[in-house]
Amino acid sequence: MHPTLTIFLLSLMAGLGTGMGGLIAILLHNIPEGMATALPLCKSGVSRWDSFRVAFLSGLAEPVGALLAAFFLTSFQNFIPGA
């Protein structure tokens, strides 16, 4: 589970405004993360399209992790202190 997504979900449980601030921070964080994935691939000879696809698919891991964290946190909310 990605730590930033867990933090986002916990901040969303604290309030909508706090959660939206966390969402914007994560979205801005993903831009250089995608570039850090795609640029080395481009420099090593992989096509731009394939580099984009790899960066996009690696970025999809975060929403999947968010759904898993949301399920976990909502299902076991009584057992997690502070959640």
N, C-alpha and C. Protein backbone atom coordinates (compact mmCIF):
# COMPACT_ATOMS: atom_id res chain seq x y z
N MET A 1 0.85 -1.16 0.00
CA MET A 1 0.00 0.00 0.00
C MET A 1 0.90 1.24 0.00
N HIS A 2 0.60 2.17 -0.85
CA HIS A 2 1.41 3.37 -1.00
C HIS A 2 1.17 4.31 0.18
N PRO A 3 2.24 4.78 0.84
CA PRO A 3 2.06 5.61 2.04
C PRO A 3 1.32 6.91 1.78
N THR A 4 1.55 7.54 0.62
CA THR A 4 0.87 8.81 0.37
C THR A 4 -0.64 8.61 0.25
N LEU A 5 -1.05 7.49 -0.29
CA LEU A 5 -2.48 7.23 -0.41
C LEU A 5 -3.12 6.96 0.94
N THR A 6 -2.40 6.27 1.78
CA THR A 6 -2.92 6.02 3.12
C THR A 6 -3.09 7.34 3.86
N ILE A 7 -2.10 8.21 3.72
CA ILE A 7 -2.18 9.53 4.36
C ILE A 7 -3.35 10.32 3.78
N PHE A 8 -3.54 10.24 2.46
CA PHE A 8 -4.66 10.94 1.84
C PHE A 8 -5.99 10.45 2.38
N LEU A 9 -6.15 9.14 2.49
CA LEU A 9 -7.41 8.61 2.98
C LEU A 9 -7.66 8.99 4.44
N LEU A 10 -6.61 8.96 5.23
CA LEU A 10 -6.77 9.38 6.62
C LEU A 10 -7.12 10.87 6.71
N SER A 11 -6.50 11.70 5.83
CA SER A 11 -6.83 13.13 5.85
C SER A 11 -8.24 13.36 5.33
N LEU A 12 -8.70 12.54 4.40
CA LEU A 12 -10.07 12.66 3.91
C LEU A 12 -11.07 12.32 5.01
N MET A 13 -10.71 11.37 5.85
CA MET A 13 -11.59 11.03 6.97
C MET A 13 -11.64 12.18 7.98
N ALA A 14 -10.58 13.00 8.02
CA ALA A 14 -10.55 14.14 8.93
C ALA A 14 -11.46 15.26 8.44
N GLY A 15 -11.66 15.35 7.14
CA GLY A 15 -12.52 16.39 6.60
C GLY A 15 -12.32 16.53 5.10
N LEU A 16 -13.33 17.02 4.41
CA LEU A 16 -13.27 17.14 2.96
C LEU A 16 -12.19 18.13 2.52
N GLY A 17 -12.08 19.25 3.20
CA GLY A 17 -11.07 20.25 2.84
C GLY A 17 -9.66 19.71 3.01
N THR A 18 -9.42 19.02 4.09
CA THR A 18 -8.12 18.43 4.34
C THR A 18 -7.82 17.36 3.30
N GLY A 19 -8.81 16.55 2.96
CA GLY A 19 -8.64 15.51 1.95
C GLY A 19 -8.36 16.07 0.58
N MET A 20 -9.03 17.16 0.21
CA MET A 20 -8.80 17.76 -1.11
C MET A 20 -7.39 18.38 -1.19
N GLY A 21 -6.94 18.94 -0.09
CA GLY A 21 -5.57 19.45 -0.06
C GLY A 21 -4.56 18.33 -0.25
N GLY A 22 -4.82 17.20 0.38
CA GLY A 22 -3.96 16.03 0.21
C GLY A 22 -4.01 15.50 -1.21
N LEU A 23 -5.20 15.51 -1.82
CA LEU A 23 -5.34 15.05 -3.19
C LEU A 23 -4.53 15.92 -4.15
N ILE A 24 -4.60 17.22 -4.00
CA ILE A 24 -3.84 18.13 -4.87
C ILE A 24 -2.34 17.90 -4.70
N ALA A 25 -1.90 17.71 -3.46
CA ALA A 25 -0.47 17.46 -3.22
C ALA A 25 -0.03 16.16 -3.89
N ILE A 26 -0.85 15.12 -3.83
CA ILE A 26 -0.49 13.85 -4.46
C ILE A 26 -0.47 13.99 -5.98
N LEU A 27 -1.45 14.71 -6.53
CA LEU A 27 -1.48 14.91 -7.98
C LEU A 27 -0.23 15.65 -8.46
N LEU A 28 0.17 16.68 -7.74
CA LEU A 28 1.38 17.42 -8.11
C LEU A 28 2.62 16.55 -7.94
N HIS A 29 2.60 15.67 -6.98
CA HIS A 29 3.72 14.76 -6.75
C HIS A 29 3.87 13.76 -7.89
N ASN A 30 2.76 13.37 -8.51
CA ASN A 30 2.80 12.36 -9.56
C ASN A 30 3.41 12.85 -10.86
N ILE A 31 3.43 14.15 -11.10
CA ILE A 31 4.00 14.67 -12.34
C ILE A 31 5.51 14.37 -12.41
N PRO A 32 6.31 14.79 -11.44
CA PRO A 32 7.73 14.44 -11.55
C PRO A 32 7.99 12.94 -11.40
N GLU A 33 7.11 12.24 -10.71
CA GLU A 33 7.27 10.79 -10.58
C GLU A 33 7.10 10.11 -11.94
N GLY A 34 6.12 10.54 -12.70
CA GLY A 34 5.93 10.01 -14.05
C GLY A 34 7.08 10.37 -14.97
N MET A 35 7.58 11.58 -14.84
CA MET A 35 8.74 11.99 -15.65
C MET A 35 9.97 11.17 -15.29
N ALA A 36 10.13 10.89 -14.01
CA ALA A 36 11.28 10.08 -13.56
C ALA A 36 11.18 8.65 -14.08
N THR A 37 9.98 8.20 -14.37
CA THR A 37 9.80 6.87 -14.94
C THR A 37 10.02 6.89 -16.45
N ALA A 38 9.48 7.90 -17.13
CA ALA A 38 9.48 7.91 -18.59
C ALA A 38 10.80 8.40 -19.20
N LEU A 39 11.42 9.40 -18.62
CA LEU A 39 12.62 9.98 -19.25
C LEU A 39 13.78 8.99 -19.39
N PRO A 40 14.12 8.21 -18.37
CA PRO A 40 15.21 7.24 -18.58
C PRO A 40 14.89 6.22 -19.67
N LEU A 41 13.60 5.85 -19.78
CA LEU A 41 13.23 4.92 -20.84
C LEU A 41 13.43 5.55 -22.21
N CYS A 42 13.05 6.82 -22.36
CA CYS A 42 13.24 7.52 -23.63
C CYS A 42 14.72 7.62 -23.98
N LYS A 43 15.53 7.94 -22.99
CA LYS A 43 16.97 8.09 -23.23
C LYS A 43 17.63 6.76 -23.58
N SER A 44 17.04 5.65 -23.14
CA SER A 44 17.64 4.35 -23.44
C SER A 44 17.15 3.76 -24.76
N GLY A 45 16.32 4.52 -25.48
CA GLY A 45 15.91 4.09 -26.80
C GLY A 45 14.49 3.57 -26.91
N VAL A 46 13.77 3.54 -25.83
CA VAL A 46 12.37 3.13 -25.87
C VAL A 46 11.56 4.27 -26.48
N SER A 47 10.57 3.94 -27.28
CA SER A 47 9.79 4.98 -27.94
C SER A 47 9.04 5.83 -26.91
N ARG A 48 8.68 7.04 -27.31
CA ARG A 48 7.96 7.93 -26.41
C ARG A 48 6.62 7.33 -25.99
N TRP A 49 5.94 6.71 -26.94
CA TRP A 49 4.64 6.13 -26.65
C TRP A 49 4.77 5.00 -25.62
N ASP A 50 5.75 4.13 -25.81
CA ASP A 50 5.95 3.03 -24.86
C ASP A 50 6.38 3.57 -23.48
N SER A 51 7.21 4.60 -23.48
CA SER A 51 7.61 5.22 -22.21
C SER A 51 6.41 5.81 -21.49
N PHE A 52 5.54 6.47 -22.26
CA PHE A 52 4.32 7.03 -21.67
C PHE A 52 3.44 5.93 -21.09
N ARG A 53 3.30 4.83 -21.83
CA ARG A 53 2.46 3.74 -21.34
C ARG A 53 3.00 3.14 -20.05
N VAL A 54 4.32 2.96 -19.98
CA VAL A 54 4.91 2.41 -18.76
C VAL A 54 4.68 3.36 -17.59
N ALA A 55 4.91 4.67 -17.82
CA ALA A 55 4.71 5.66 -16.75
C ALA A 55 3.23 5.70 -16.33
N PHE A 56 2.33 5.61 -17.29
CA PHE A 56 0.90 5.63 -16.99
C PHE A 56 0.49 4.39 -16.19
N LEU A 57 0.96 3.24 -16.62
CA LEU A 57 0.61 2.01 -15.92
C LEU A 57 1.21 1.97 -14.51
N SER A 58 2.41 2.51 -14.36
CA SER A 58 2.98 2.54 -13.01
C SER A 58 2.21 3.52 -12.13
N GLY A 59 1.65 4.56 -12.72
CA GLY A 59 0.81 5.49 -11.97
C GLY A 59 -0.53 4.91 -11.58
N LEU A 60 -1.00 3.90 -12.29
CA LEU A 60 -2.27 3.27 -11.95
C LEU A 60 -2.18 2.45 -10.67
N ALA A 61 -0.98 2.15 -10.24
CA ALA A 61 -0.83 1.39 -9.00
C ALA A 61 -1.35 2.19 -7.81
N GLU A 62 -1.23 3.50 -7.87
CA GLU A 62 -1.67 4.34 -6.75
C GLU A 62 -3.18 4.33 -6.56
N PRO A 63 -3.99 4.52 -7.61
CA PRO A 63 -5.44 4.44 -7.38
C PRO A 63 -5.89 3.06 -6.91
N VAL A 64 -5.27 2.01 -7.41
CA VAL A 64 -5.62 0.67 -6.95
C VAL A 64 -5.27 0.54 -5.46
N GLY A 65 -4.12 1.05 -5.08
CA GLY A 65 -3.74 1.05 -3.67
C GLY A 65 -4.69 1.88 -2.83
N ALA A 66 -5.18 2.98 -3.39
CA ALA A 66 -6.13 3.82 -2.67
C ALA A 66 -7.44 3.08 -2.42
N LEU A 67 -7.90 2.35 -3.42
CA LEU A 67 -9.13 1.58 -3.24
C LEU A 67 -8.95 0.49 -2.19
N LEU A 68 -7.81 -0.18 -2.22
CA LEU A 68 -7.55 -1.20 -1.20
C LEU A 68 -7.45 -0.58 0.19
N ALA A 69 -6.77 0.58 0.29
CA ALA A 69 -6.65 1.25 1.59
C ALA A 69 -8.02 1.73 2.06
N ALA A 70 -8.84 2.24 1.15
CA ALA A 70 -10.18 2.69 1.53
C ALA A 70 -11.01 1.53 2.06
N PHE A 71 -10.93 0.39 1.37
CA PHE A 71 -11.67 -0.79 1.84
C PHE A 71 -11.17 -1.21 3.22
N PHE A 72 -9.86 -1.26 3.38
CA PHE A 72 -9.28 -1.69 4.65
C PHE A 72 -9.65 -0.74 5.78
N LEU A 73 -9.50 0.57 5.52
CA LEU A 73 -9.76 1.54 6.58
C LEU A 73 -11.24 1.62 6.95
N THR A 74 -12.12 1.48 5.96
CA THR A 74 -13.55 1.54 6.28
C THR A 74 -14.05 0.23 6.89
N SER A 75 -13.47 -0.88 6.48
CA SER A 75 -13.91 -2.17 7.02
C SER A 75 -13.44 -2.40 8.45
N PHE A 76 -12.25 -1.91 8.75
CA PHE A 76 -11.65 -2.17 10.06
C PHE A 76 -11.44 -0.89 10.86
N GLN A 77 -12.31 0.09 10.63
CA GLN A 77 -12.15 1.41 11.27
C GLN A 77 -12.18 1.31 12.79
N ASN A 78 -12.93 0.41 13.34
CA ASN A 78 -13.00 0.29 14.80
C ASN A 78 -11.72 -0.28 15.40
N PHE A 79 -10.92 -0.97 14.59
CA PHE A 79 -9.72 -1.61 15.09
C PHE A 79 -8.46 -0.76 14.89
N ILE A 80 -8.56 0.33 14.11
CA ILE A 80 -7.40 1.17 13.81
C ILE A 80 -7.51 2.46 14.61
N PRO A 81 -6.63 2.66 15.59
CA PRO A 81 -6.70 3.89 16.37
C PRO A 81 -6.42 5.12 15.49
N GLY A 82 -7.24 6.12 15.65
CA GLY A 82 -7.05 7.37 14.91
C GLY A 82 -7.62 7.36 13.51
N ALA A 83 -8.20 6.28 13.05
CA ALA A 83 -8.74 6.23 11.68
C ALA A 83 -10.22 6.57 11.69
